[in-house]
Protein backbone atom coordinates (compact mmCIF):
# COMPACT_ATOMS: atom_id res chain seq x y z
CA MET A 1 133.48 141.68 93.29
CA PHE A 2 130.01 141.55 94.74
CA LEU A 3 128.73 138.79 96.97
CA LEU A 4 125.06 138.10 96.27
CA VAL A 5 123.21 136.34 99.07
CA ASP A 6 119.67 134.98 99.13
CA THR A 7 118.65 135.77 102.72
CA GLU A 8 116.11 132.95 102.78
CA SER A 9 118.23 130.07 101.46
CA ARG A 10 121.59 131.62 102.44
CA LYS A 11 122.94 130.57 99.04
CA SER A 12 125.56 132.94 97.70
CA THR A 13 127.34 133.72 94.46
CA THR A 14 129.90 136.30 93.38
CA ILE A 15 129.87 138.59 90.35
CA ASN A 16 132.55 140.89 88.99
CA ASN A 17 132.04 144.61 89.45
CA ALA A 18 131.28 145.79 85.91
CA ASP A 19 131.72 149.44 86.97
CA SER A 20 134.86 149.35 89.12
CA HIS A 21 136.79 151.83 86.95
CA HIS A 22 134.87 155.07 86.85
CA SER A 23 135.63 158.69 87.60
CA HIS A 24 134.29 160.33 90.74
CA GLY A 25 130.60 161.10 90.37
CA ALA A 26 130.17 158.74 87.41
CA CYS A 27 129.33 155.55 89.31
CA LYS A 28 126.52 153.54 87.80
CA PRO A 29 125.66 151.13 90.59
CA MET A 30 123.10 149.12 88.65
CA LYS A 31 125.71 148.52 85.92
CA ALA A 32 128.09 147.44 88.67
CA LEU A 33 125.54 144.82 89.72
CA SER A 34 125.50 143.43 86.18
CA GLY A 35 121.71 143.55 85.92
CA GLU A 36 121.20 141.18 88.85
CA GLN A 37 117.85 141.49 90.61
CA VAL A 38 118.56 142.57 94.18
CA ASP A 39 116.48 144.07 96.98
CA GLY A 40 119.27 145.66 98.96
CA ILE A 41 122.98 146.24 99.15
CA VAL A 42 125.33 146.25 102.14
CA VAL A 43 128.36 148.53 101.94
CA GLY A 44 130.84 150.03 104.37
CA ASN A 45 130.42 153.42 102.73
CA ILE A 46 128.97 154.86 99.55
CA GLY A 47 128.86 158.19 97.78
CA ALA A 48 125.63 160.15 97.82
CA GLY A 49 125.13 159.90 94.05
CA ALA A 50 125.42 156.11 94.02
CA ARG A 51 123.23 155.80 97.13
CA ILE A 52 120.51 157.96 95.57
CA GLN A 53 120.62 155.97 92.31
CA LEU A 54 120.27 152.71 94.20
CA GLN A 55 117.44 153.99 96.38
CA ARG A 56 115.60 155.39 93.33
CA SER A 57 115.92 151.92 91.79
CA GLY A 58 114.08 150.53 94.81
CA LEU A 59 117.08 149.10 96.65
CA ARG A 60 117.65 149.48 100.35
CA VAL A 61 121.23 150.58 101.10
CA PHE A 62 122.51 149.12 104.37
CA LYS A 63 125.57 150.04 106.45
CA ALA A 64 127.92 147.11 107.02
CA GLN A 65 128.83 147.03 110.68
CA GLN A 66 132.54 147.38 111.26
CA GLY A 67 134.08 144.43 113.05
CA THR A 68 131.35 142.00 111.97
CA THR A 69 131.42 139.22 109.42
CA VAL A 70 129.37 139.00 106.23
CA CYS A 71 127.26 136.32 107.93
CA GLU A 72 126.62 138.56 110.93
CA ASN A 73 125.55 141.43 108.67
CA ILE A 74 123.21 139.09 106.77
CA GLU A 75 121.69 137.94 110.04
CA LYS A 76 121.11 141.60 110.98
CA ILE A 77 119.26 142.09 107.67
CA VAL A 78 117.06 139.07 108.38
CA LEU A 79 116.32 140.44 111.87
CA ASP A 80 115.75 143.94 110.39
CA THR A 81 118.41 145.42 112.69
CA LEU A 82 121.04 146.45 110.13
CA PRO A 83 120.91 150.26 109.75
CA GLU A 84 120.32 151.87 106.40
CA PHE A 85 122.21 154.85 105.00
CA SER A 86 120.42 158.15 105.36
CA ASP A 87 120.71 161.35 103.36
CA HIS A 88 123.45 162.49 105.76
CA ASP A 89 125.67 159.42 105.37
CA GLY A 90 128.25 158.47 102.77
CA CYS A 91 131.73 159.31 101.65
CA SER A 92 132.80 162.54 100.06
CA GLY A 93 135.10 161.25 97.34
CA HIS A 94 137.63 158.73 96.14
CA GLY A 95 141.08 158.61 97.66
CA ASN A 96 140.42 161.12 100.44
CA GLY A 97 139.84 158.64 103.22
CA GLY A 98 136.11 158.70 102.59
CA GLY A 99 135.23 155.13 103.37
CA ASP A 100 138.15 153.42 101.72
CA GLY A 101 139.10 151.47 104.86
CA PRO A 102 139.14 147.71 105.31
CA GLY A 103 135.87 146.08 104.41
CA SER A 104 134.30 149.38 103.44
CA GLY A 105 133.92 148.70 99.76
CA GLY A 106 135.03 152.28 99.16
CA CYS A 107 132.63 154.50 97.28
CA CYS A 108 130.62 152.18 95.05
CA HIS A 109 133.44 149.64 94.62
């Protein structure tokens, strides 16, 4: 599931992940977002391929802060204090401990 949040109104909705069953390296993050128009995405971790696809699509890819709530992470986006993933960040694969911890979202899940 994805939680979509309008940072101005704080209204939220959920959508199913249309790309949750894919092989490593075959993630299609825009398919996963079901064609929703979004400006950014907050994840605990993400593979480089998915991150690059999202950034090339014009999305900002933010790092969820461990130990904080969704609301706290949204507030950090509004205040422009939530860090973004860089070229050196991300997980290295599925099932190898690469970001599959609690709240991480795994690699493009």
